[in-house]
């Protein structure tokens, strides 16, 4: 939302390599990793829409549509966040949004992604 708050016009967003919506999933307040990723991406010419922590899936999807996101990134540190990420992946699939979903956090793993999220 930082880009929106600064009043960027549509033509000014063309200078970016892409737009990412990032958020910490519902039920999780940990945001250090998400914040680091956001800063690194911002420094590499990406427009980052950071929705903060405890974000409901509908809020994330609405932001993806509103900002014409190229990628959505989810963060979570605690184990229950994994279920929220699975739920978000399924919800994203139902909306017919065809953008990459990145997940990250201490409890995420290749195995969990392959078994629970990828099949969504």
N, C-alpha and C. Protein backbone atom coordinates (compact mmCIF):
# COMPACT_ATOMS: atom_id res chain seq x y z
N UNK A 1 0.81 -1.18 0.00
CA UNK A 1 0.00 0.00 0.00
C UNK A 1 0.86 1.25 0.00
N UNK A 2 2.14 1.10 0.25
CA UNK A 2 3.02 2.25 0.28
C UNK A 2 3.04 2.97 -1.06
N UNK A 3 3.03 2.18 -2.16
CA UNK A 3 3.03 2.79 -3.49
C UNK A 3 1.74 3.56 -3.73
N UNK A 4 0.63 3.03 -3.26
CA UNK A 4 -0.66 3.69 -3.42
C UNK A 4 -0.69 4.97 -2.61
N UNK A 5 -0.21 4.90 -1.37
CA UNK A 5 -0.22 6.07 -0.50
C UNK A 5 0.63 7.20 -1.04
N UNK A 6 1.67 6.87 -1.78
CA UNK A 6 2.51 7.93 -2.33
C UNK A 6 1.91 8.54 -3.59
N UNK A 7 0.80 7.99 -4.05
CA UNK A 7 0.08 8.58 -5.18
C UNK A 7 0.70 8.32 -6.53
N UNK A 8 1.28 7.18 -6.74
CA UNK A 8 1.88 6.87 -8.03
C UNK A 8 0.82 6.81 -9.12
N UNK A 9 1.07 7.50 -10.20
CA UNK A 9 0.17 7.43 -11.35
C UNK A 9 0.46 6.16 -12.13
N UNK A 10 -0.50 5.74 -12.94
CA UNK A 10 -0.36 4.49 -13.70
C UNK A 10 0.89 4.48 -14.55
N UNK A 11 1.20 5.60 -15.20
CA UNK A 11 2.37 5.64 -16.08
C UNK A 11 3.67 5.54 -15.29
N UNK A 12 3.65 5.94 -14.03
CA UNK A 12 4.85 5.85 -13.21
C UNK A 12 5.15 4.42 -12.81
N UNK A 13 4.15 3.55 -12.81
CA UNK A 13 4.38 2.16 -12.42
C UNK A 13 5.03 1.36 -13.54
N UNK A 14 5.06 1.89 -14.76
CA UNK A 14 5.67 1.18 -15.88
C UNK A 14 7.18 1.03 -15.72
N UNK A 15 7.77 1.81 -14.85
CA UNK A 15 9.22 1.74 -14.67
C UNK A 15 9.64 0.54 -13.82
N UNK A 16 8.70 -0.19 -13.26
CA UNK A 16 9.00 -1.32 -12.40
C UNK A 16 9.15 -2.61 -13.20
N UNK A 17 9.95 -3.53 -12.66
CA UNK A 17 10.14 -4.85 -13.27
C UNK A 17 8.91 -5.73 -13.09
N UNK A 18 8.08 -5.40 -12.12
CA UNK A 18 6.87 -6.15 -11.84
C UNK A 18 6.26 -5.69 -10.53
N UNK A 19 5.06 -6.16 -10.26
CA UNK A 19 4.35 -5.80 -9.03
C UNK A 19 4.10 -7.05 -8.20
N UNK A 20 4.47 -6.98 -6.93
CA UNK A 20 4.25 -8.08 -6.00
C UNK A 20 3.37 -7.63 -4.85
N UNK A 21 2.41 -8.46 -4.50
CA UNK A 21 1.64 -8.26 -3.28
C UNK A 21 2.19 -9.25 -2.27
N UNK A 22 2.63 -8.74 -1.12
CA UNK A 22 3.16 -9.62 -0.08
C UNK A 22 2.38 -9.41 1.22
N UNK A 23 2.26 -10.49 1.98
CA UNK A 23 1.51 -10.43 3.22
C UNK A 23 1.89 -11.58 4.13
N UNK A 24 1.77 -11.35 5.43
CA UNK A 24 1.83 -12.43 6.39
C UNK A 24 0.41 -12.95 6.55
N UNK A 25 0.26 -14.26 6.48
CA UNK A 25 -1.08 -14.86 6.45
C UNK A 25 -1.84 -14.66 7.76
N UNK A 26 -3.15 -14.83 7.65
CA UNK A 26 -4.06 -14.72 8.80
C UNK A 26 -3.60 -15.63 9.94
N UNK A 27 -3.61 -15.09 11.14
CA UNK A 27 -3.22 -15.87 12.31
C UNK A 27 -1.76 -15.74 12.69
N UNK A 28 -0.98 -15.00 11.90
CA UNK A 28 0.45 -14.87 12.15
C UNK A 28 0.84 -13.39 12.19
N UNK A 29 1.61 -13.02 13.19
CA UNK A 29 2.02 -11.62 13.34
C UNK A 29 3.51 -11.41 13.04
N UNK A 30 4.19 -12.45 12.62
CA UNK A 30 5.63 -12.36 12.38
C UNK A 30 5.89 -11.79 10.99
N UNK A 31 6.71 -10.75 10.92
CA UNK A 31 6.89 -10.10 9.63
C UNK A 31 8.33 -9.75 9.27
N UNK A 32 9.30 -10.16 10.06
CA UNK A 32 10.68 -9.77 9.77
C UNK A 32 11.13 -10.31 8.42
N UNK A 33 10.89 -11.59 8.15
CA UNK A 33 11.29 -12.16 6.86
C UNK A 33 10.58 -11.49 5.70
N UNK A 34 9.28 -11.26 5.84
CA UNK A 34 8.50 -10.59 4.79
C UNK A 34 9.06 -9.19 4.53
N UNK A 35 9.38 -8.49 5.60
CA UNK A 35 9.91 -7.14 5.45
C UNK A 35 11.26 -7.14 4.73
N UNK A 36 12.10 -8.10 5.05
CA UNK A 36 13.40 -8.19 4.37
C UNK A 36 13.21 -8.48 2.89
N UNK A 37 12.35 -9.43 2.57
CA UNK A 37 12.06 -9.75 1.17
C UNK A 37 11.52 -8.52 0.45
N UNK A 38 10.61 -7.79 1.08
CA UNK A 38 10.05 -6.59 0.48
C UNK A 38 11.09 -5.54 0.16
N UNK A 39 12.02 -5.33 1.08
CA UNK A 39 13.09 -4.35 0.87
C UNK A 39 14.00 -4.79 -0.27
N UNK A 40 14.39 -6.06 -0.26
CA UNK A 40 15.28 -6.56 -1.32
C UNK A 40 14.62 -6.44 -2.69
N UNK A 41 13.35 -6.83 -2.78
CA UNK A 41 12.65 -6.71 -4.06
C UNK A 41 12.49 -5.26 -4.48
N UNK A 42 12.16 -4.39 -3.53
CA UNK A 42 12.04 -2.97 -3.82
C UNK A 42 13.34 -2.39 -4.34
N UNK A 43 14.46 -2.82 -3.78
CA UNK A 43 15.78 -2.35 -4.22
C UNK A 43 16.15 -2.91 -5.59
N UNK A 44 15.43 -3.92 -6.03
CA UNK A 44 15.69 -4.53 -7.33
C UNK A 44 14.60 -4.19 -8.34
N UNK A 45 14.02 -3.02 -8.17
CA UNK A 45 13.11 -2.43 -9.15
C UNK A 45 11.75 -3.10 -9.24
N UNK A 46 11.29 -3.69 -8.15
CA UNK A 46 9.93 -4.23 -8.11
C UNK A 46 9.05 -3.32 -7.28
N UNK A 47 7.82 -3.18 -7.69
CA UNK A 47 6.82 -2.45 -6.92
C UNK A 47 6.25 -3.44 -5.91
N UNK A 48 6.39 -3.13 -4.63
CA UNK A 48 5.97 -4.04 -3.57
C UNK A 48 4.77 -3.44 -2.84
N UNK A 49 3.67 -4.19 -2.84
CA UNK A 49 2.48 -3.81 -2.09
C UNK A 49 2.47 -4.69 -0.84
N UNK A 50 2.82 -4.12 0.29
CA UNK A 50 2.93 -4.87 1.54
C UNK A 50 1.65 -4.69 2.35
N UNK A 51 0.91 -5.76 2.51
CA UNK A 51 -0.36 -5.71 3.23
C UNK A 51 -0.22 -5.89 4.73
N UNK A 52 0.98 -6.15 5.20
CA UNK A 52 1.20 -6.29 6.64
C UNK A 52 0.98 -7.71 7.14
N UNK A 53 0.52 -7.81 8.39
CA UNK A 53 0.35 -9.10 9.06
C UNK A 53 -1.12 -9.43 9.26
N UNK A 54 -1.37 -10.71 9.59
CA UNK A 54 -2.74 -11.17 9.88
C UNK A 54 -3.70 -10.88 8.73
N UNK A 55 -3.27 -11.14 7.51
CA UNK A 55 -4.06 -10.79 6.33
C UNK A 55 -5.00 -11.92 5.92
N UNK A 56 -6.25 -11.58 5.79
CA UNK A 56 -7.26 -12.54 5.33
C UNK A 56 -7.08 -12.79 3.84
N UNK A 57 -7.38 -13.99 3.38
CA UNK A 57 -7.24 -14.32 1.96
C UNK A 57 -7.98 -13.36 1.02
N UNK A 58 -9.19 -12.95 1.38
CA UNK A 58 -9.94 -12.04 0.52
C UNK A 58 -9.22 -10.71 0.34
N UNK A 59 -8.61 -10.21 1.40
CA UNK A 59 -7.86 -8.95 1.33
C UNK A 59 -6.68 -9.10 0.38
N UNK A 60 -6.01 -10.23 0.44
CA UNK A 60 -4.85 -10.47 -0.43
C UNK A 60 -5.29 -10.55 -1.88
N UNK A 61 -6.35 -11.29 -2.15
CA UNK A 61 -6.85 -11.43 -3.52
C UNK A 61 -7.33 -10.09 -4.07
N UNK A 62 -8.04 -9.33 -3.27
CA UNK A 62 -8.50 -8.00 -3.70
C UNK A 62 -7.32 -7.11 -4.06
N UNK A 63 -6.25 -7.16 -3.27
CA UNK A 63 -5.07 -6.35 -3.55
C UNK A 63 -4.39 -6.80 -4.84
N UNK A 64 -4.35 -8.11 -5.09
CA UNK A 64 -3.76 -8.62 -6.33
C UNK A 64 -4.51 -8.09 -7.54
N UNK A 65 -5.83 -8.08 -7.45
CA UNK A 65 -6.65 -7.59 -8.56
C UNK A 65 -6.49 -6.08 -8.70
N UNK A 66 -6.61 -5.37 -7.59
CA UNK A 66 -6.53 -3.90 -7.60
C UNK A 66 -5.21 -3.39 -8.17
N UNK A 67 -4.12 -4.05 -7.81
CA UNK A 67 -2.79 -3.58 -8.21
C UNK A 67 -2.23 -4.34 -9.41
N UNK A 68 -3.06 -5.20 -10.01
CA UNK A 68 -2.63 -5.98 -11.18
C UNK A 68 -1.29 -6.69 -10.89
N UNK A 69 -1.27 -7.41 -9.79
CA UNK A 69 -0.04 -8.05 -9.33
C UNK A 69 0.45 -9.11 -10.30
N UNK A 70 1.76 -9.19 -10.41
CA UNK A 70 2.40 -10.23 -11.21
C UNK A 70 2.69 -11.47 -10.36
N UNK A 71 2.86 -11.25 -9.06
CA UNK A 71 3.20 -12.32 -8.13
C UNK A 71 2.56 -12.00 -6.78
N UNK A 72 2.17 -13.05 -6.05
CA UNK A 72 1.72 -12.87 -4.67
C UNK A 72 2.65 -13.68 -3.77
N UNK A 73 3.10 -13.06 -2.69
CA UNK A 73 3.99 -13.72 -1.75
C UNK A 73 3.38 -13.81 -0.37
N UNK A 74 3.40 -15.00 0.21
CA UNK A 74 2.85 -15.23 1.54
C UNK A 74 3.96 -15.59 2.50
N UNK A 75 3.85 -15.06 3.70
CA UNK A 75 4.83 -15.33 4.74
C UNK A 75 4.15 -15.88 5.97
N UNK A 76 4.86 -16.75 6.67
CA UNK A 76 4.35 -17.27 7.93
C UNK A 76 5.45 -17.96 8.70
N UNK A 77 5.50 -17.72 9.98
CA UNK A 77 6.54 -18.30 10.80
C UNK A 77 6.06 -19.52 11.58
N UNK A 78 4.81 -19.51 11.99
CA UNK A 78 4.31 -20.57 12.87
C UNK A 78 3.61 -21.67 12.07
N UNK A 79 3.56 -22.86 12.65
CA UNK A 79 2.99 -24.03 11.97
C UNK A 79 1.57 -23.82 11.45
N UNK A 80 0.65 -23.20 12.20
CA UNK A 80 -0.70 -22.99 11.65
C UNK A 80 -0.73 -22.14 10.37
N UNK A 81 0.33 -21.40 10.13
CA UNK A 81 0.41 -20.61 8.90
C UNK A 81 0.40 -21.49 7.67
N UNK A 82 0.92 -22.70 7.80
CA UNK A 82 0.94 -23.63 6.66
C UNK A 82 -0.47 -23.91 6.16
N UNK A 83 -1.40 -24.11 7.07
CA UNK A 83 -2.79 -24.36 6.67
C UNK A 83 -3.39 -23.14 5.98
N UNK A 84 -3.05 -21.96 6.46
CA UNK A 84 -3.54 -20.73 5.83
C UNK A 84 -2.98 -20.59 4.41
N UNK A 85 -1.74 -20.99 4.22
CA UNK A 85 -1.14 -20.93 2.89
C UNK A 85 -1.83 -21.91 1.94
N UNK A 86 -2.15 -23.09 2.43
CA UNK A 86 -2.88 -24.07 1.61
C UNK A 86 -4.25 -23.50 1.25
N UNK A 87 -4.94 -22.94 2.23
CA UNK A 87 -6.26 -22.34 1.99
C UNK A 87 -6.16 -21.22 0.96
N UNK A 88 -5.12 -20.39 1.09
CA UNK A 88 -4.93 -19.28 0.16
C UNK A 88 -4.66 -19.80 -1.26
N UNK A 89 -3.87 -20.84 -1.39
CA UNK A 89 -3.58 -21.41 -2.71
C UNK A 89 -4.85 -21.91 -3.37
N UNK A 90 -5.71 -22.58 -2.61
CA UNK A 90 -6.98 -23.07 -3.15
C UNK A 90 -7.90 -21.92 -3.53
N UNK A 91 -7.94 -20.90 -2.69
CA UNK A 91 -8.79 -19.74 -2.96
C UNK A 91 -8.29 -19.00 -4.20
N UNK A 92 -7.00 -18.88 -4.34
CA UNK A 92 -6.41 -18.23 -5.51
C UNK A 92 -6.77 -19.00 -6.78
N UNK A 93 -6.74 -20.31 -6.70
CA UNK A 93 -7.10 -21.16 -7.83
C UNK A 93 -8.56 -20.95 -8.23
N UNK A 94 -9.44 -20.83 -7.25
CA UNK A 94 -10.87 -20.63 -7.53
C UNK A 94 -11.17 -19.29 -8.18
N UNK A 95 -10.35 -18.28 -7.90
CA UNK A 95 -10.59 -16.95 -8.46
C UNK A 95 -10.13 -16.85 -9.91
N UNK A 96 -9.45 -17.86 -10.37
CA UNK A 96 -8.92 -17.89 -11.74
C UNK A 96 -7.77 -16.90 -11.96
N UNK A 97 -7.21 -16.37 -10.88
CA UNK A 97 -6.02 -15.54 -11.02
C UNK A 97 -4.86 -16.46 -11.36
N UNK A 98 -4.18 -16.18 -12.41
CA UNK A 98 -3.08 -17.03 -12.86
C UNK A 98 -1.75 -16.32 -12.64
N UNK A 99 -1.41 -16.14 -11.38
CA UNK A 99 -0.14 -15.52 -11.05
C UNK A 99 0.62 -16.45 -10.11
N UNK A 100 1.95 -16.39 -10.16
CA UNK A 100 2.74 -17.25 -9.28
C UNK A 100 2.49 -16.94 -7.80
N UNK A 101 2.50 -17.98 -6.99
CA UNK A 101 2.36 -17.87 -5.55
C UNK A 101 3.68 -18.27 -4.91
N UNK A 102 4.28 -17.34 -4.20
CA UNK A 102 5.52 -17.62 -3.47
C UNK A 102 5.18 -17.76 -2.00
N UNK A 103 5.73 -18.76 -1.35
CA UNK A 103 5.52 -18.91 0.08
C UNK A 103 6.86 -18.97 0.78
N UNK A 104 6.91 -18.45 1.99
CA UNK A 104 8.15 -18.48 2.74
C UNK A 104 7.89 -18.39 4.22
N UNK A 105 8.86 -18.85 4.97
CA UNK A 105 8.77 -18.81 6.42
C UNK A 105 9.45 -20.03 7.02
N UNK A 106 9.65 -19.97 8.31
CA UNK A 106 10.42 -21.02 8.99
C UNK A 106 9.81 -22.40 8.86
N UNK A 107 8.50 -22.50 8.77
CA UNK A 107 7.87 -23.82 8.75
C UNK A 107 7.62 -24.36 7.34
N UNK A 108 7.89 -23.57 6.32
CA UNK A 108 7.65 -24.03 4.96
C UNK A 108 8.75 -25.00 4.54
N UNK A 109 8.41 -25.87 3.60
CA UNK A 109 9.40 -26.83 3.09
C UNK A 109 9.02 -27.24 1.67
N UNK A 110 9.98 -27.79 0.96
CA UNK A 110 9.71 -28.30 -0.38
C UNK A 110 8.66 -29.41 -0.34
N UNK A 111 8.76 -30.26 0.67
CA UNK A 111 7.81 -31.38 0.79
C UNK A 111 6.39 -30.87 1.01
N UNK A 112 6.23 -29.94 1.93
CA UNK A 112 4.89 -29.39 2.21
C UNK A 112 4.32 -28.73 0.96
N UNK A 113 5.15 -27.99 0.26
CA UNK A 113 4.69 -27.32 -0.96
C UNK A 113 4.27 -28.34 -2.00
N UNK A 114 5.07 -29.37 -2.20
CA UNK A 114 4.76 -30.39 -3.21
C UNK A 114 3.50 -31.17 -2.88
N UNK A 115 3.29 -31.48 -1.62
CA UNK A 115 2.17 -32.33 -1.22
C UNK A 115 0.89 -31.54 -0.99
N UNK A 116 0.99 -30.39 -0.36
CA UNK A 116 -0.21 -29.66 0.07
C UNK A 116 -0.58 -28.47 -0.80
N UNK A 117 0.40 -27.75 -1.31
CA UNK A 117 0.10 -26.51 -2.03
C UNK A 117 0.09 -26.71 -3.53
N UNK A 118 1.07 -27.34 -4.07
CA UNK A 118 1.16 -27.54 -5.52
C UNK A 118 -0.06 -28.24 -6.10
N UNK A 119 -0.61 -29.26 -5.47
CA UNK A 119 -1.79 -29.92 -6.04
C UNK A 119 -3.03 -29.04 -6.07
N UNK A 120 -3.05 -27.95 -5.28
CA UNK A 120 -4.23 -27.08 -5.23
C UNK A 120 -4.52 -26.56 -6.60
